[in-house]
N, C-alpha and C. Protein backbone atom coordinates (compact mmCIF):
# COMPACT_ATOMS: atom_id res chain seq x y z
N MET A 1 19.48 -16.09 -25.34
CA MET A 1 18.41 -15.67 -24.45
C MET A 1 18.15 -16.79 -23.44
N SER A 2 17.98 -16.44 -22.16
CA SER A 2 17.76 -17.45 -21.12
C SER A 2 16.35 -18.02 -21.19
N ASP A 3 16.15 -19.15 -20.52
CA ASP A 3 14.83 -19.77 -20.47
C ASP A 3 13.81 -18.83 -19.83
N ASN A 4 14.22 -18.12 -18.75
CA ASN A 4 13.31 -17.20 -18.07
C ASN A 4 12.83 -16.11 -19.02
N ALA A 5 13.74 -15.53 -19.78
CA ALA A 5 13.37 -14.46 -20.71
C ALA A 5 12.47 -15.01 -21.81
N GLN A 6 12.74 -16.24 -22.26
CA GLN A 6 11.93 -16.84 -23.31
C GLN A 6 10.51 -17.09 -22.84
N GLN A 7 10.32 -17.39 -21.56
CA GLN A 7 8.98 -17.68 -21.04
C GLN A 7 8.28 -16.43 -20.52
N GLY A 8 8.91 -15.26 -20.69
CA GLY A 8 8.30 -14.01 -20.26
C GLY A 8 8.32 -13.81 -18.77
N GLN A 9 9.21 -14.49 -18.06
CA GLN A 9 9.30 -14.35 -16.61
C GLN A 9 10.23 -13.20 -16.26
N ILE A 10 9.98 -12.62 -15.10
CA ILE A 10 10.81 -11.52 -14.61
C ILE A 10 11.47 -11.97 -13.32
N ASN A 11 12.77 -11.76 -13.22
CA ASN A 11 13.47 -12.02 -11.96
C ASN A 11 13.33 -10.79 -11.08
N ILE A 12 12.83 -10.99 -9.86
CA ILE A 12 12.64 -9.89 -8.93
C ILE A 12 13.59 -10.06 -7.77
N GLU A 13 14.36 -9.01 -7.49
CA GLU A 13 15.33 -9.05 -6.40
C GLU A 13 14.77 -8.30 -5.20
N LEU A 14 14.90 -8.89 -4.02
CA LEU A 14 14.43 -8.29 -2.78
C LEU A 14 15.62 -8.17 -1.84
N ASP A 15 16.13 -6.94 -1.66
CA ASP A 15 17.28 -6.80 -0.78
C ASP A 15 16.86 -6.87 0.68
N GLU A 16 17.84 -7.04 1.55
CA GLU A 16 17.59 -7.30 2.97
C GLU A 16 16.81 -6.17 3.65
N LYS A 17 17.17 -4.93 3.36
CA LYS A 17 16.52 -3.77 4.00
C LYS A 17 15.04 -3.71 3.61
N VAL A 18 14.75 -3.86 2.33
CA VAL A 18 13.37 -3.81 1.86
C VAL A 18 12.59 -5.01 2.39
N ALA A 19 13.22 -6.16 2.51
CA ALA A 19 12.56 -7.36 2.99
C ALA A 19 12.06 -7.22 4.43
N GLU A 20 12.70 -6.33 5.22
CA GLU A 20 12.25 -6.10 6.59
C GLU A 20 10.86 -5.49 6.63
N GLY A 21 10.50 -4.74 5.61
CA GLY A 21 9.19 -4.12 5.55
C GLY A 21 9.09 -2.88 6.42
N ILE A 22 7.98 -2.18 6.27
CA ILE A 22 7.68 -0.99 7.06
C ILE A 22 6.26 -1.16 7.59
N TYR A 23 6.10 -1.03 8.90
CA TYR A 23 4.78 -1.14 9.50
C TYR A 23 3.97 0.12 9.21
N SER A 24 2.71 -0.06 8.86
CA SER A 24 1.81 1.05 8.63
C SER A 24 0.42 0.69 9.13
N ASN A 25 -0.23 1.63 9.81
CA ASN A 25 -1.61 1.40 10.24
C ASN A 25 -2.54 2.48 9.71
N LEU A 26 -2.06 3.23 8.72
CA LEU A 26 -2.89 4.23 8.05
C LEU A 26 -2.37 4.41 6.63
N ALA A 27 -3.29 4.42 5.67
CA ALA A 27 -2.93 4.72 4.29
C ALA A 27 -3.79 5.89 3.83
N ILE A 28 -3.15 6.87 3.25
CA ILE A 28 -3.84 8.04 2.70
C ILE A 28 -3.70 7.97 1.19
N ILE A 29 -4.83 8.00 0.50
CA ILE A 29 -4.82 7.83 -0.94
C ILE A 29 -5.35 9.08 -1.62
N ASN A 30 -4.58 9.59 -2.57
CA ASN A 30 -4.98 10.73 -3.40
C ASN A 30 -4.78 10.35 -4.86
N HIS A 31 -5.39 11.10 -5.75
CA HIS A 31 -5.19 10.81 -7.17
C HIS A 31 -5.30 12.07 -8.01
N SER A 32 -4.70 11.98 -9.17
CA SER A 32 -4.84 13.00 -10.21
C SER A 32 -5.33 12.26 -11.46
N ALA A 33 -5.38 12.95 -12.56
CA ALA A 33 -5.81 12.30 -13.80
C ALA A 33 -4.84 11.23 -14.26
N SER A 34 -3.56 11.33 -13.83
CA SER A 34 -2.55 10.43 -14.37
C SER A 34 -1.97 9.44 -13.37
N GLU A 35 -2.26 9.60 -12.05
CA GLU A 35 -1.67 8.69 -11.08
C GLU A 35 -2.44 8.64 -9.78
N PHE A 36 -2.24 7.55 -9.06
CA PHE A 36 -2.72 7.38 -7.69
C PHE A 36 -1.51 7.43 -6.79
N VAL A 37 -1.63 8.14 -5.66
CA VAL A 37 -0.53 8.27 -4.71
C VAL A 37 -1.03 7.68 -3.38
N VAL A 38 -0.31 6.67 -2.88
CA VAL A 38 -0.65 6.04 -1.61
C VAL A 38 0.48 6.33 -0.63
N ASP A 39 0.13 7.05 0.44
CA ASP A 39 1.09 7.34 1.51
C ASP A 39 0.80 6.41 2.67
N PHE A 40 1.82 5.68 3.11
CA PHE A 40 1.70 4.78 4.24
C PHE A 40 2.28 5.45 5.48
N VAL A 41 1.47 5.52 6.55
CA VAL A 41 1.81 6.25 7.77
C VAL A 41 1.73 5.30 8.95
N THR A 42 2.54 5.55 9.97
CA THR A 42 2.45 4.82 11.23
C THR A 42 2.00 5.79 12.31
N LEU A 43 0.80 5.56 12.84
CA LEU A 43 0.28 6.36 13.95
C LEU A 43 0.55 5.63 15.25
N MET A 44 1.04 6.34 16.25
CA MET A 44 1.28 5.75 17.56
C MET A 44 0.38 6.42 18.58
N PRO A 45 -0.21 5.65 19.49
CA PRO A 45 -1.11 6.24 20.50
C PRO A 45 -0.40 7.31 21.32
N GLY A 46 -1.08 8.43 21.52
CA GLY A 46 -0.54 9.49 22.34
C GLY A 46 0.50 10.36 21.67
N VAL A 47 0.83 10.08 20.43
CA VAL A 47 1.82 10.88 19.71
C VAL A 47 1.07 11.70 18.66
N PRO A 48 1.08 13.03 18.80
CA PRO A 48 0.27 13.86 17.91
C PRO A 48 0.83 14.04 16.50
N LYS A 49 2.05 13.58 16.26
CA LYS A 49 2.67 13.77 14.95
C LYS A 49 3.06 12.42 14.37
N ALA A 50 2.82 12.24 13.10
CA ALA A 50 3.20 11.00 12.41
C ALA A 50 3.81 11.38 11.07
N LYS A 51 4.75 10.57 10.61
CA LYS A 51 5.41 10.82 9.33
C LYS A 51 4.99 9.76 8.31
N VAL A 52 4.97 10.19 7.06
CA VAL A 52 4.78 9.24 5.97
C VAL A 52 6.02 8.36 5.93
N LYS A 53 5.82 7.05 6.01
CA LYS A 53 6.94 6.11 6.01
C LYS A 53 7.31 5.66 4.61
N SER A 54 6.30 5.65 3.72
CA SER A 54 6.54 5.21 2.35
C SER A 54 5.47 5.80 1.45
N ARG A 55 5.85 6.18 0.24
CA ARG A 55 4.90 6.68 -0.76
C ARG A 55 5.03 5.82 -2.00
N ILE A 56 3.90 5.34 -2.48
CA ILE A 56 3.87 4.53 -3.69
C ILE A 56 3.01 5.29 -4.71
N VAL A 57 3.53 5.46 -5.92
CA VAL A 57 2.81 6.14 -6.98
C VAL A 57 2.48 5.10 -8.05
N LEU A 58 1.20 5.04 -8.42
CA LEU A 58 0.72 4.03 -9.37
C LEU A 58 -0.01 4.70 -10.54
N THR A 59 0.07 4.09 -11.71
CA THR A 59 -0.79 4.52 -12.81
C THR A 59 -2.22 4.09 -12.48
N PRO A 60 -3.24 4.72 -13.07
CA PRO A 60 -4.61 4.29 -12.81
C PRO A 60 -4.83 2.81 -13.15
N GLN A 61 -4.23 2.33 -14.22
CA GLN A 61 -4.39 0.94 -14.61
C GLN A 61 -3.76 0.01 -13.56
N HIS A 62 -2.58 0.38 -13.08
CA HIS A 62 -1.92 -0.45 -12.08
C HIS A 62 -2.68 -0.40 -10.75
N ALA A 63 -3.24 0.76 -10.40
CA ALA A 63 -4.03 0.88 -9.17
C ALA A 63 -5.23 -0.07 -9.22
N LYS A 64 -5.86 -0.16 -10.36
CA LYS A 64 -7.02 -1.05 -10.51
C LYS A 64 -6.60 -2.51 -10.42
N ARG A 65 -5.47 -2.86 -11.04
CA ARG A 65 -4.96 -4.24 -10.93
C ARG A 65 -4.57 -4.56 -9.49
N PHE A 66 -4.00 -3.57 -8.77
CA PHE A 66 -3.63 -3.75 -7.36
C PHE A 66 -4.88 -3.99 -6.52
N LEU A 67 -5.93 -3.21 -6.75
CA LEU A 67 -7.19 -3.39 -6.03
C LEU A 67 -7.74 -4.81 -6.23
N LYS A 68 -7.72 -5.28 -7.46
CA LYS A 68 -8.20 -6.64 -7.76
C LYS A 68 -7.35 -7.69 -7.07
N ALA A 69 -6.01 -7.55 -7.15
CA ALA A 69 -5.12 -8.53 -6.54
C ALA A 69 -5.26 -8.53 -5.02
N LEU A 70 -5.40 -7.34 -4.41
CA LEU A 70 -5.58 -7.26 -2.96
C LEU A 70 -6.89 -7.91 -2.56
N GLY A 71 -7.96 -7.65 -3.31
CA GLY A 71 -9.25 -8.28 -3.03
C GLY A 71 -9.19 -9.79 -3.11
N GLU A 72 -8.49 -10.32 -4.12
CA GLU A 72 -8.35 -11.77 -4.26
C GLU A 72 -7.56 -12.36 -3.09
N ASN A 73 -6.50 -11.65 -2.65
CA ASN A 73 -5.71 -12.13 -1.52
C ASN A 73 -6.49 -12.08 -0.22
N ILE A 74 -7.29 -11.05 -0.01
CA ILE A 74 -8.13 -10.97 1.19
C ILE A 74 -9.13 -12.12 1.18
N HIS A 75 -9.73 -12.40 0.03
CA HIS A 75 -10.67 -13.51 -0.08
C HIS A 75 -10.01 -14.84 0.30
N ARG A 76 -8.81 -15.10 -0.23
CA ARG A 76 -8.10 -16.34 0.10
C ARG A 76 -7.73 -16.39 1.58
N TYR A 77 -7.31 -15.27 2.15
CA TYR A 77 -6.97 -15.20 3.58
C TYR A 77 -8.20 -15.56 4.41
N GLU A 78 -9.35 -14.95 4.08
CA GLU A 78 -10.56 -15.21 4.86
C GLU A 78 -11.06 -16.64 4.69
N GLN A 79 -10.84 -17.22 3.53
CA GLN A 79 -11.20 -18.63 3.33
C GLN A 79 -10.40 -19.51 4.28
N ALA A 80 -9.13 -19.19 4.48
CA ALA A 80 -8.24 -19.99 5.32
C ALA A 80 -8.33 -19.65 6.80
N ASN A 81 -8.61 -18.37 7.13
CA ASN A 81 -8.50 -17.91 8.51
C ASN A 81 -9.76 -17.32 9.11
N GLY A 82 -10.81 -17.22 8.35
CA GLY A 82 -12.04 -16.61 8.84
C GLY A 82 -12.11 -15.14 8.47
N GLU A 83 -13.30 -14.58 8.65
CA GLU A 83 -13.55 -13.20 8.25
C GLU A 83 -12.69 -12.21 9.05
N ILE A 84 -12.16 -11.24 8.36
CA ILE A 84 -11.43 -10.14 9.00
C ILE A 84 -12.49 -9.17 9.51
N LYS A 85 -12.51 -8.93 10.81
CA LYS A 85 -13.49 -8.02 11.40
C LYS A 85 -13.03 -6.58 11.20
N ASP A 86 -13.91 -5.74 10.72
CA ASP A 86 -13.62 -4.33 10.53
C ASP A 86 -14.08 -3.58 11.77
N VAL A 87 -13.14 -3.18 12.61
CA VAL A 87 -13.49 -2.47 13.84
C VAL A 87 -13.63 -0.99 13.55
N GLU A 88 -14.55 -0.35 14.25
CA GLU A 88 -14.75 1.09 14.09
C GLU A 88 -13.54 1.85 14.61
N GLN A 89 -13.02 2.72 13.80
CA GLN A 89 -11.90 3.57 14.19
C GLN A 89 -12.42 4.99 14.34
N PRO A 90 -11.96 5.69 15.38
CA PRO A 90 -12.37 7.10 15.50
C PRO A 90 -11.80 7.92 14.35
N GLN A 91 -12.54 8.94 13.94
CA GLN A 91 -12.06 9.82 12.89
C GLN A 91 -10.82 10.55 13.38
N ILE A 92 -9.80 10.57 12.58
CA ILE A 92 -8.55 11.22 12.92
C ILE A 92 -8.43 12.48 12.06
N PRO A 93 -8.44 13.67 12.70
CA PRO A 93 -8.24 14.88 11.88
C PRO A 93 -6.80 14.92 11.39
N LEU A 94 -6.65 15.02 10.09
CA LEU A 94 -5.31 15.00 9.50
C LEU A 94 -4.91 16.38 9.04
N ASN A 95 -3.72 16.76 9.43
CA ASN A 95 -3.11 18.00 8.93
C ASN A 95 -1.94 17.55 8.08
N PHE A 96 -2.16 17.49 6.78
CA PHE A 96 -1.20 16.93 5.85
C PHE A 96 -0.48 18.07 5.15
N GLY A 97 0.71 18.41 5.62
CA GLY A 97 1.37 19.56 5.04
C GLY A 97 2.86 19.35 4.92
N PRO A 98 3.57 20.11 4.17
CA PRO A 98 2.98 21.11 3.30
C PRO A 98 2.20 20.46 2.17
N ALA A 99 1.16 21.13 1.71
CA ALA A 99 0.28 20.57 0.70
C ALA A 99 1.05 20.35 -0.60
N GLY A 100 0.81 19.23 -1.21
CA GLY A 100 1.45 18.92 -2.47
C GLY A 100 0.42 18.46 -3.48
N GLN A 101 0.74 18.53 -4.72
CA GLN A 101 -0.15 18.10 -5.78
C GLN A 101 0.59 17.08 -6.62
N ALA A 102 -0.06 15.97 -6.88
CA ALA A 102 0.57 14.92 -7.68
C ALA A 102 0.39 15.22 -9.15
């Protein structure tokens, strides 16, 4: 058994395509009793149609851990860079179809 496995560490591989990332300026979150579904969308000004660029499905427990980790990271970011200003965004009517159920 390797030292990493003995210490309970996980090796995580990040391939080149995934490392590029996907830009998103809208997240739509839905949930069922067994999972949370986060759809990441890119809206462009003047373009009436947008596609979901990525969908992440989380267990309720993992969603809660993600919320905590994101909150901690935002806190550290603001400590280093100042408060993130929340600007008012106009309400965007969403037509999310075809309708699906998680």
